[in-house]
Amino acid sequence: MEVNNNSKIILHLCASQFGSDSKPYRDAGYDVRLITKEIGVENYHPPENVYGIIANPPCTKFSRAGWQIAKRDRDFHEGMRLVKECLRIIWEAQERGAQLKFWVLENPFGYLPQFLGYPVMVYQPWQFGETGTLATKKEALWGYFKKPQPTVFTRTVKSVQKASTYKRMLFPEVATRNPAWSNLSSDERSVASPYFTKAFFEANR
């Protein structure tokens, strides 16, 4: 653990109960603050001297997965509501004098680029060594951060499986649930690959 990491505030906006994207920072002793749906980003104002911000606004309205069904509920106005709240907090932190080491807004690659522009980085977790059910989930990142460098350049893993075995290994508290992907909560489906989160942490400590 690095000295004084406990004074470095990391805000994790729209965090799930697991906070998987910010876990490497918690493990390294940073002051990670999970802004979950129970708190609500729309009700939150950042403190001074924020070190970094990770934002995971819900992807349901922007997802291309199962588009035949999602198309009926394609409310982009509602989808952008929390995206805009995340951006407000990022701007507010900087207006309060925070010299952010990094900020990043993550979403599966879908329709959000039509609103925020092309992302800074698009990747699949297999490029960072992931071989489980998360390996081929195409992700997009916007923001101000150092790009972690891929370590794998030839894909050998199959497409995402329906079951959530790998996520259940990561989070034992999920183990009592039905293994079918469709029966997982949104928090469980949003778990990030630890291979990528570790790589991002190493690039943006």
Foldseek 3Di string as FASTA:
>chain_A
DDPPQCVAEEEEAQAFPVNQLCVVSVVVNHNYDYCHVVNPLVNDADDEQHAEYEYEQDCLLFDPPPCVVSVVVNDVVVSCPSVVSSVVNVVRRVVNPHPYLWYKYKDQPGRCCVPVNAAPDWDAQVQLPDQALRRGGIMGMHIGFDDQHGDDDDDDHDHHDQFLVVLCVVPVVCVVWDRGNVRDDSNSVPNDDNSVSVSRVVRRD
